[in-house]
Amino acid sequence: MRHAPLPIEPRRPNSGGDPISPHVAALSADLDPTVLAADLVRTLQREVYRGFMDRGDLDDLLRAACHAKIHTLRDILVGARDPRSITVPESIAFARELARVGVPADIVERSYRVGQEAVWQWWIDEVEAYVDATGAPMAEILRSTSPVMFGFVDQMLRTTLAAYDAALDEERRSLADRRRRLVRHLLDGTLTAVGVEAERLLRYRLDGVHLALVLADAPGRAADQVADAARDALGGCGLLLVEDHAAPRTTIWVRLDAAPAPRVRRAATQILESAGRPVALGEPAVGLAGFRDTWQDACDAAEVLARMPRERGSVVWASDVRIEALGLGAPRAARRLVGAELAALRALSPTARDTLEAWLLAGSNVGAAAILGVHEHTVRNRLRDVEHLLGSALRDRRTELHVALRLDAVVHDGTSPDDARD
């Protein structure tokens, strides 16, 4: 097409916009945006979205977005639209579909670099043809259009990435909600068998050995870090993390090839303690029933951990607090036992109580002395004072005292998760 020079005043794209060269307006008015849009679609399909175009509605939405953006750019160049207040709904729809079907963000960003290069090269070709036909100053045309075109591309990229991120967040929340519902049905027994689709949704296999951990009030990133540390420390081959915002708490399941050996448990405990957050661990169990059982163990241990003195540590295993968990399951009975067994011992000094606990733990005066770092005779004398208050020999009440002292740490203040369970 031959162009004739148009000696007219510069135009503004809209009220308050930067001046548009009359040559740019004249050149743009003669362009067919449909041809460029079709070329742009082919370029993006070939160089960016190869391998993705069969997903969802990407093909149709890409065509619509390219046509809408090229027509919008043409309107800006002829001065019909203000480049500072542009919205292209078709571009937003395409961005949301990209997120929905799982196209990575770096691919989305690359599409704009490729598209910008293709459009700019096309524009250079058109400008050169216009300059050859009209003798118009090429530098003036390019100076006038480069900030408009590159600004338009930048604005479209920002808008697209914002829509992409918003859609991705929605997809993640939707997926997390579906996983939470599925896990809830597995735990309450609504689902008694699972198939490949359920495991694919969870990204976790339900055969093998499972070990659950419960974290109270751990933000998302903190929970992720604990989950990774637990999997690595235990030698896990699978990981499932489910947040319960109502509690609030997070449950982590680690899938194992076998139950961890004692040395692995000790090492895992040390690693988890270094994370600085309270963690309750269930006991390893097998299959779908084990998936439930280890979770219940971890929940029971978490209730105990929440009531334990902080100096007792921040990590507990269910097998180490079964007595306390039983007490919290029957809190009134536990408090009656504590009251009956320890009423006479409330007057004990902290030193005497520590000695009694050490003796109950070690099973002998020698063992208690080793724990406390004192002489055996000192232990014997302190225990004689305890027996005087108790009114009977310690060996006659050994089991009851041991249980009562452990329960005293979690139920002595009258608090319980649910008294009605008695």
Protein backbone atom coordinates (compact mmCIF):
# COMPACT_ATOMS: atom_id res chain seq x y z
CA MET A 1 0.00 0.00 0.00
CA ARG A 2 1.32 3.47 -0.92
CA HIS A 3 1.08 6.23 1.63
CA ALA A 4 0.84 9.98 1.11
CA PRO A 5 2.34 12.35 3.70
CA LEU A 6 -0.22 14.06 5.92
CA PRO A 7 0.89 17.56 7.10
CA ILE A 8 -1.39 17.67 10.14
CA GLU A 9 -0.88 18.61 13.78
CA PRO A 10 0.18 15.95 16.29
CA ARG A 11 -2.75 14.18 17.95
CA ARG A 12 -3.21 13.05 21.51
CA PRO A 13 -4.41 9.52 22.17
CA ASN A 14 -6.93 10.87 24.62
CA SER A 15 -7.31 13.75 26.99
CA GLY A 16 -4.03 14.30 28.84
CA GLY A 17 -2.03 11.72 26.84
CA ASP A 18 1.37 12.20 25.21
CA PRO A 19 1.35 13.52 21.63
CA ILE A 20 1.08 10.96 18.85
CA SER A 21 2.94 11.73 15.61
CA PRO A 22 0.54 12.41 12.71
CA HIS A 23 2.58 9.90 10.70
CA VAL A 24 1.96 7.24 13.33
CA ALA A 25 -1.76 7.93 13.29
CA ALA A 26 -1.88 7.82 9.50
CA LEU A 27 0.20 4.65 9.29
CA SER A 28 -1.78 2.87 12.01
CA ALA A 29 -5.13 3.79 10.44
CA ASP A 30 -4.18 1.85 7.30
CA LEU A 31 -3.07 -1.31 9.11
CA ASP A 32 -5.12 -4.50 9.33
CA PRO A 33 -4.78 -5.71 12.94
CA THR A 34 -6.45 -9.03 12.09
CA VAL A 35 -3.46 -10.10 9.97
CA LEU A 36 -0.95 -9.18 12.68
CA ALA A 37 -3.03 -10.91 15.36
CA ALA A 38 -3.09 -14.12 13.34
CA ASP A 39 0.68 -13.94 12.83
CA LEU A 40 1.17 -13.33 16.55
CA VAL A 41 -0.97 -16.35 17.44
CA ARG A 42 1.12 -18.59 15.19
CA THR A 43 4.36 -17.23 16.62
CA LEU A 44 3.29 -17.82 20.22
CA GLN A 45 1.95 -21.29 19.45
CA ARG A 46 5.23 -22.24 17.80
CA GLU A 47 7.80 -20.58 20.07
CA VAL A 48 6.17 -20.41 23.50
CA TYR A 49 3.13 -22.61 24.03
CA ARG A 50 4.19 -25.68 22.05
CA GLY A 51 3.04 -28.69 24.06
CA PHE A 52 0.43 -26.68 25.99
CA MET A 53 -2.16 -25.79 23.37
CA ASP A 54 -4.16 -29.00 23.82
CA ARG A 55 -4.89 -28.09 27.46
CA GLY A 56 -8.31 -26.70 28.28
CA ASP A 57 -9.47 -23.77 26.14
CA LEU A 58 -6.01 -22.29 25.61
CA ASP A 59 -6.17 -22.26 21.80
CA ASP A 60 -9.43 -20.30 21.56
CA LEU A 61 -8.51 -17.96 24.40
CA LEU A 62 -5.06 -17.25 22.93
CA ARG A 63 -6.62 -16.22 19.63
CA ALA A 64 -9.15 -13.99 21.37
CA ALA A 65 -6.48 -12.37 23.56
CA CYS A 66 -4.11 -11.68 20.64
CA HIS A 67 -6.86 -10.14 18.51
CA ALA A 68 -8.10 -7.98 21.39
CA LYS A 69 -4.62 -6.72 22.31
CA ILE A 70 -3.60 -5.91 18.72
CA HIS A 71 -6.87 -4.03 18.10
CA THR A 72 -6.35 -2.15 21.39
CA LEU A 73 -2.78 -1.24 20.43
CA ARG A 74 -3.99 0.05 17.07
CA ASP A 75 -6.63 2.19 18.79
CA ILE A 76 -3.93 3.69 21.01
CA LEU A 77 -1.69 4.47 18.04
CA VAL A 78 -4.44 6.25 16.11
CA GLY A 79 -5.29 8.26 19.22
CA ALA A 80 -8.65 6.64 19.91
CA ARG A 81 -7.80 5.24 23.37
CA ASP A 82 -5.82 6.46 26.37
CA PRO A 83 -2.90 4.07 26.98
CA ARG A 84 -2.95 4.84 30.69
CA SER A 85 -6.35 3.23 31.35
CA ILE A 86 -6.42 0.08 29.26
CA THR A 87 -8.13 -3.17 30.19
CA VAL A 88 -8.33 -6.19 27.93
CA PRO A 89 -10.73 -8.78 29.40
CA GLU A 90 -9.71 -11.37 26.82
CA SER A 91 -6.12 -11.19 28.06
CA ILE A 92 -7.25 -11.69 31.65
CA ALA A 93 -9.37 -14.69 30.64
CA PHE A 94 -6.38 -16.24 28.87
CA ALA A 95 -4.14 -15.62 31.91
CA ARG A 96 -6.61 -17.35 34.23
CA GLU A 97 -6.80 -20.35 31.91
CA LEU A 98 -3.00 -20.53 31.82
CA ALA A 99 -3.00 -20.80 35.61
CA ARG A 100 -5.84 -23.30 35.66
CA VAL A 101 -4.17 -25.75 33.28
CA GLY A 102 -0.78 -25.44 34.95
CA VAL A 103 1.35 -23.42 32.53
CA PRO A 104 4.39 -22.14 34.52
CA ALA A 105 4.75 -18.43 35.19
CA ASP A 106 8.10 -18.21 33.40
CA ILE A 107 6.38 -19.41 30.22
CA VAL A 108 3.78 -16.65 30.60
CA GLU A 109 6.51 -14.01 30.99
CA ARG A 110 8.42 -15.40 28.01
CA SER A 111 5.32 -15.11 25.84
CA TYR A 112 5.40 -11.34 26.29
CA ARG A 113 9.06 -11.10 25.41
CA VAL A 114 8.48 -13.16 22.25
CA GLY A 115 5.30 -11.27 21.43
CA GLN A 116 6.93 -7.88 21.96
CA GLU A 117 9.79 -8.81 19.65
CA ALA A 118 7.39 -10.06 16.96
CA VAL A 119 5.16 -6.97 17.11
CA TRP A 120 8.11 -4.57 17.15
CA GLN A 121 9.68 -6.25 14.13
CA TRP A 122 6.37 -6.09 12.31
CA TRP A 123 6.08 -2.40 13.19
CA ILE A 124 9.62 -1.66 11.95
CA ASP A 125 8.76 -3.30 8.61
CA GLU A 126 5.59 -1.19 8.31
CA VAL A 127 7.42 2.01 9.26
CA GLU A 128 10.16 1.36 6.70
CA ALA A 129 7.56 0.84 3.97
CA TYR A 130 5.77 4.03 5.04
CA VAL A 131 9.01 6.04 5.06
CA ASP A 132 9.99 4.74 1.61
CA ALA A 133 6.58 5.73 0.26
CA THR A 134 6.20 9.12 1.95
CA GLY A 135 9.65 10.35 2.87
CA ALA A 136 8.49 10.78 6.48
CA PRO A 137 11.23 10.97 9.16
CA MET A 138 11.70 7.44 10.51
CA ALA A 139 13.36 8.59 13.74
CA GLU A 140 10.35 10.75 14.61
CA ILE A 141 7.95 7.85 14.09
CA LEU A 142 9.98 5.45 16.21
CA ARG A 143 10.51 8.01 18.99
CA SER A 144 6.79 8.58 19.10
CA THR A 145 5.79 4.92 19.13
CA SER A 146 8.43 3.08 21.16
CA PRO A 147 7.33 4.37 24.61
CA VAL A 148 3.68 3.76 23.72
CA MET A 149 4.22 0.23 22.46
CA PHE A 150 6.63 -0.87 25.15
CA GLY A 151 4.49 0.77 27.84
CA PHE A 152 1.46 -1.08 26.51
CA VAL A 153 3.31 -4.40 26.61
CA ASP A 154 4.54 -3.74 30.17
CA GLN A 155 1.03 -2.84 31.30
CA MET A 156 -0.42 -5.97 29.68
CA LEU A 157 2.26 -8.13 31.33
CA ARG A 158 1.53 -6.68 34.77
CA THR A 159 -2.20 -7.17 34.31
CA THR A 160 -1.75 -10.68 32.98
CA LEU A 161 0.58 -11.79 35.78
CA ALA A 162 -1.77 -10.33 38.39
CA ALA A 163 -4.68 -12.28 36.90
CA TYR A 164 -2.49 -15.38 36.59
CA ASP A 165 -1.38 -15.16 40.24
CA ALA A 166 -4.94 -14.58 41.46
CA ALA A 167 -6.22 -17.57 39.49
CA LEU A 168 -3.32 -19.70 40.72
CA ASP A 169 -4.13 -18.81 44.33
CA GLU A 170 -7.75 -19.77 43.73
CA GLU A 171 -6.68 -23.08 42.19
CA ARG A 172 -4.40 -23.79 45.13
CA ARG A 173 -7.09 -22.95 47.66
CA SER A 174 -9.58 -25.10 45.77
CA LEU A 175 -7.13 -28.00 45.61
CA ALA A 176 -6.30 -27.61 49.30
CA ASP A 177 -10.01 -27.60 50.17
CA ARG A 178 -10.59 -30.77 48.13
CA ARG A 179 -7.66 -32.47 49.81
CA ARG A 180 -8.91 -31.43 53.26
CA ARG A 181 -12.37 -32.86 52.51
CA LEU A 182 -10.89 -36.11 51.26
CA VAL A 183 -8.66 -36.47 54.32
CA ARG A 184 -11.59 -35.69 56.61
CA HIS A 185 -13.62 -38.48 54.97
CA LEU A 186 -10.69 -40.87 55.32
CA LEU A 187 -10.30 -40.07 59.00
CA ASP A 188 -13.97 -40.24 59.96
CA GLY A 189 -14.49 -43.54 58.14
CA THR A 190 -16.78 -42.17 55.44
CA LEU A 191 -14.29 -43.56 52.92
CA THR A 192 -13.19 -47.10 53.72
CA ALA A 193 -11.21 -47.65 50.52
CA VAL A 194 -9.29 -45.40 48.18
CA GLY A 195 -8.27 -45.61 44.58
CA VAL A 196 -5.66 -44.13 42.32
CA GLU A 197 -7.61 -40.89 41.80
CA ALA A 198 -7.76 -40.19 45.54
CA GLU A 199 -4.04 -40.82 45.95
CA ARG A 200 -3.34 -38.63 42.93
CA LEU A 201 -5.32 -35.79 44.53
CA LEU A 202 -3.47 -36.22 47.82
CA ARG A 203 -0.13 -36.80 46.06
CA TYR A 204 0.37 -39.42 48.73
CA ARG A 205 0.09 -43.22 48.74
CA LEU A 206 -1.99 -44.80 51.47
CA ASP A 207 -0.29 -48.18 51.55
CA GLY A 208 2.88 -48.73 53.54
CA VAL A 209 3.76 -47.29 56.95
CA HIS A 210 2.46 -43.88 58.06
CA LEU A 211 3.57 -41.59 60.87
CA ALA A 212 1.58 -38.47 61.72
CA LEU A 213 2.78 -35.23 63.30
CA VAL A 214 0.55 -32.47 64.67
CA LEU A 215 1.70 -28.85 64.87
CA ALA A 216 -0.32 -26.27 66.74
CA ASP A 217 -0.72 -22.85 65.17
CA ALA A 218 2.16 -23.14 62.69
CA PRO A 219 2.01 -20.73 59.72
CA GLY A 220 2.23 -22.26 56.26
CA ARG A 221 5.94 -21.78 55.66
CA ALA A 222 6.86 -22.95 59.16
CA ALA A 223 4.76 -26.09 58.70
CA ASP A 224 6.47 -26.77 55.38
CA GLN A 225 9.87 -26.53 57.04
CA VAL A 226 8.89 -28.92 59.83
CA ALA A 227 7.40 -31.34 57.29
CA ASP A 228 10.59 -31.35 55.22
CA ALA A 229 12.74 -31.80 58.32
CA ALA A 230 10.59 -34.71 59.54
CA ARG A 231 10.63 -36.48 56.19
CA ASP A 232 14.41 -36.14 55.90
CA ALA A 233 15.07 -37.17 59.50
CA LEU A 234 12.78 -40.21 59.33
CA GLY A 235 13.81 -41.27 55.83
CA GLY A 236 10.31 -40.78 54.49
CA CYS A 237 9.26 -41.64 50.95
CA GLY A 238 6.06 -39.59 50.91
CA LEU A 239 4.66 -36.46 52.53
CA LEU A 240 1.14 -35.12 53.06
CA LEU A 241 0.44 -31.80 54.80
CA VAL A 242 -3.10 -30.70 55.67
CA GLU A 243 -3.91 -27.44 57.43
CA ASP A 244 -6.93 -27.12 59.70
CA HIS A 245 -7.60 -23.38 59.92
CA ALA A 246 -10.43 -23.84 62.43
CA ALA A 247 -8.25 -25.55 65.08
CA PRO A 248 -5.75 -23.99 64.09
CA ARG A 249 -3.26 -26.78 63.54
CA THR A 250 -1.45 -28.65 60.79
CA THR A 251 -1.21 -32.41 60.42
CA ILE A 252 1.69 -33.96 58.55
CA TRP A 253 1.83 -37.57 57.44
CA VAL A 254 5.18 -39.08 56.53
CA ARG A 255 5.06 -42.30 54.55
CA LEU A 256 7.83 -44.73 55.49
CA ASP A 257 9.19 -47.99 54.17
CA ALA A 258 9.36 -49.33 57.73
CA ALA A 259 8.88 -48.17 61.31
CA PRO A 260 11.84 -46.00 62.38
CA ALA A 261 14.47 -47.58 64.59
CA PRO A 262 15.08 -46.11 68.07
CA ARG A 263 18.20 -44.23 66.95
CA VAL A 264 16.23 -42.69 64.07
CA ARG A 265 13.49 -41.60 66.50
CA ARG A 266 16.06 -39.98 68.77
CA ALA A 267 17.72 -38.18 65.87
CA ALA A 268 14.36 -37.01 64.51
CA THR A 269 13.39 -35.72 67.96
CA GLN A 270 16.56 -33.64 68.18
CA ILE A 271 16.07 -32.22 64.70
CA LEU A 272 12.45 -31.31 65.37
CA GLU A 273 13.32 -29.73 68.72
CA SER A 274 15.80 -27.49 66.94
CA ALA A 275 12.91 -26.16 64.82
CA GLY A 276 11.62 -24.47 67.98
CA ARG A 277 7.94 -25.38 67.53
CA PRO A 278 5.80 -27.81 69.55
CA VAL A 279 5.43 -31.07 67.63
CA ALA A 280 3.43 -34.14 68.64
CA LEU A 281 4.13 -37.42 66.87
CA GLY A 282 1.93 -40.47 66.62
CA GLU A 283 3.21 -44.01 66.36
CA PRO A 284 3.93 -45.67 63.00
CA ALA A 285 1.06 -47.75 61.65
CA VAL A 286 0.27 -49.59 58.40
CA GLY A 287 -2.26 -48.98 55.63
CA LEU A 288 -5.42 -46.89 55.65
CA ALA A 289 -6.29 -47.97 59.20
CA GLY A 290 -2.77 -46.96 60.23
CA PHE A 291 -3.23 -43.60 58.51
CA ARG A 292 -6.12 -42.98 60.93
CA ASP A 293 -4.50 -44.53 64.00
CA THR A 294 -1.25 -42.58 63.80
CA TRP A 295 -3.26 -39.37 63.36
CA GLN A 296 -5.33 -40.12 66.47
CA ASP A 297 -2.16 -40.89 68.39
CA ALA A 298 -0.63 -37.59 67.29
CA CYS A 299 -3.79 -35.65 68.23
CA ASP A 300 -3.83 -37.23 71.70
CA ALA A 301 -0.15 -36.44 72.14
CA ALA A 302 -0.76 -32.85 71.01
CA GLU A 303 -3.38 -32.39 73.75
CA VAL A 304 -0.88 -33.62 76.30
CA LEU A 305 1.90 -31.43 74.91
CA ALA A 306 -0.32 -28.34 75.14
CA ARG A 307 -0.69 -28.94 78.92
CA MET A 308 2.84 -30.02 79.71
CA PRO A 309 5.32 -27.63 81.35
CA ARG A 310 7.58 -26.10 78.71
CA GLU A 311 10.68 -27.45 80.43
CA ARG A 312 9.53 -30.97 79.57
CA GLY A 313 10.42 -30.27 75.92
CA SER A 314 8.68 -29.24 72.71
CA VAL A 315 8.54 -32.65 70.99
CA VAL A 316 6.62 -35.67 72.27
CA TRP A 317 5.89 -39.10 70.87
CA ALA A 318 2.52 -40.70 71.60
CA SER A 319 4.15 -43.77 73.14
CA ASP A 320 5.84 -41.56 75.74
CA VAL A 321 2.63 -39.89 76.96
CA ARG A 322 0.02 -42.65 76.80
CA ILE A 323 -0.72 -42.36 80.51
CA GLU A 324 -1.28 -38.61 80.21
CA ALA A 325 -3.45 -39.14 77.11
CA LEU A 326 -5.60 -41.65 78.99
CA GLY A 327 -6.00 -39.12 81.79
CA LEU A 328 -7.15 -36.42 79.38
CA GLY A 329 -9.61 -38.91 77.91
CA ALA A 330 -11.15 -39.39 81.34
CA PRO A 331 -10.31 -36.12 83.13
CA ARG A 332 -12.59 -36.42 86.17
CA ALA A 333 -11.32 -39.90 86.97
CA ALA A 334 -7.76 -38.70 86.45
CA ARG A 335 -8.24 -35.80 88.86
CA ARG A 336 -9.74 -38.13 91.47
CA LEU A 337 -6.74 -40.42 91.19
CA VAL A 338 -4.33 -37.49 91.47
CA GLY A 339 -6.18 -36.10 94.48
CA ALA A 340 -6.31 -39.42 96.27
CA GLU A 341 -2.69 -40.38 95.71
CA LEU A 342 -0.98 -37.01 96.04
CA ALA A 343 -3.05 -35.15 98.63
CA ALA A 344 -0.68 -36.16 101.42
CA LEU A 345 2.35 -35.24 99.33
CA ARG A 346 1.42 -31.66 98.42
CA ALA A 347 3.59 -30.46 101.29
CA LEU A 348 6.70 -32.01 99.70
CA SER A 349 9.53 -29.65 98.88
CA PRO A 350 10.53 -29.46 95.19
CA THR A 351 13.70 -31.38 96.07
CA ALA A 352 11.78 -34.21 97.74
CA ARG A 353 9.32 -34.41 94.86
CA ASP A 354 12.16 -34.56 92.32
CA THR A 355 13.70 -37.37 94.37
CA LEU A 356 10.42 -39.31 94.41
CA GLU A 357 10.01 -38.92 90.65
CA ALA A 358 13.60 -40.03 90.04
CA TRP A 359 13.10 -43.09 92.25
CA LEU A 360 9.89 -44.02 90.46
CA LEU A 361 11.61 -43.63 87.13
CA ALA A 362 14.82 -45.48 88.01
CA GLY A 363 13.28 -48.15 90.23
CA SER A 364 16.03 -48.03 92.87
CA ASN A 365 17.87 -45.74 95.26
CA VAL A 366 21.09 -46.18 93.31
CA GLY A 367 19.42 -45.31 90.05
CA ALA A 368 17.71 -42.25 91.53
CA ALA A 369 21.02 -41.07 93.01
CA ALA A 370 22.65 -41.36 89.59
CA ILE A 371 19.85 -39.31 87.99
CA LEU A 372 20.02 -36.59 90.65
CA GLY A 373 23.79 -36.58 91.07
CA VAL A 374 23.63 -37.14 94.84
CA HIS A 375 24.67 -39.90 97.25
CA GLU A 376 22.47 -42.94 97.70
CA HIS A 377 22.10 -42.19 101.40
CA THR A 378 20.68 -38.76 100.54
CA VAL A 379 18.03 -40.42 98.38
CA ARG A 380 17.19 -42.89 101.17
CA ASN A 381 16.75 -40.09 103.70
CA ARG A 382 14.52 -38.03 101.41
CA LEU A 383 12.34 -41.03 100.59
CA ARG A 384 11.95 -41.77 104.30
CA ASP A 385 10.39 -38.30 104.66
CA VAL A 386 8.09 -39.05 101.72
CA GLU A 387 6.96 -42.32 103.33
CA HIS A 388 6.28 -40.48 106.58
CA LEU A 389 3.88 -38.11 104.79
CA LEU A 390 2.36 -40.93 102.79
CA GLY A 391 1.77 -43.13 105.81
CA SER A 392 2.81 -46.31 103.98
CA ALA A 393 5.77 -47.87 102.21
CA LEU A 394 6.51 -46.46 98.78
CA ARG A 395 6.75 -49.92 97.28
CA ASP A 396 3.10 -50.53 98.17
CA ARG A 397 1.90 -47.51 96.11
CA ARG A 398 4.60 -47.46 93.45
CA THR A 399 2.35 -47.81 90.36
CA GLU A 400 -0.37 -45.49 91.67
CA LEU A 401 2.13 -42.79 92.61
CA HIS A 402 3.92 -43.04 89.28
CA VAL A 403 0.66 -42.65 87.32
CA ALA A 404 -0.63 -39.88 89.59
CA LEU A 405 2.55 -37.82 89.32
CA ARG A 406 2.47 -38.05 85.52
CA LEU A 407 -1.20 -37.10 85.40
CA ASP A 408 -0.65 -34.26 87.85
CA ALA A 409 1.33 -32.36 85.22
CA VAL A 410 -1.63 -32.23 82.82
CA VAL A 411 -4.88 -32.42 84.83
CA HIS A 412 -4.11 -31.08 88.31
CA ASP A 413 -5.48 -27.61 87.50
CA GLY A 414 -8.95 -28.90 86.64
CA THR A 415 -8.68 -28.13 82.92
CA SER A 416 -9.60 -30.75 80.37
CA PRO A 417 -10.53 -30.80 76.70
CA ASP A 418 -13.94 -32.23 77.40
CA ASP A 419 -15.15 -33.26 80.85
CA ALA A 420 -18.21 -34.83 79.26
CA ARG A 421 -16.04 -37.67 77.99
CA ASP A 422 -16.17 -39.10 81.51
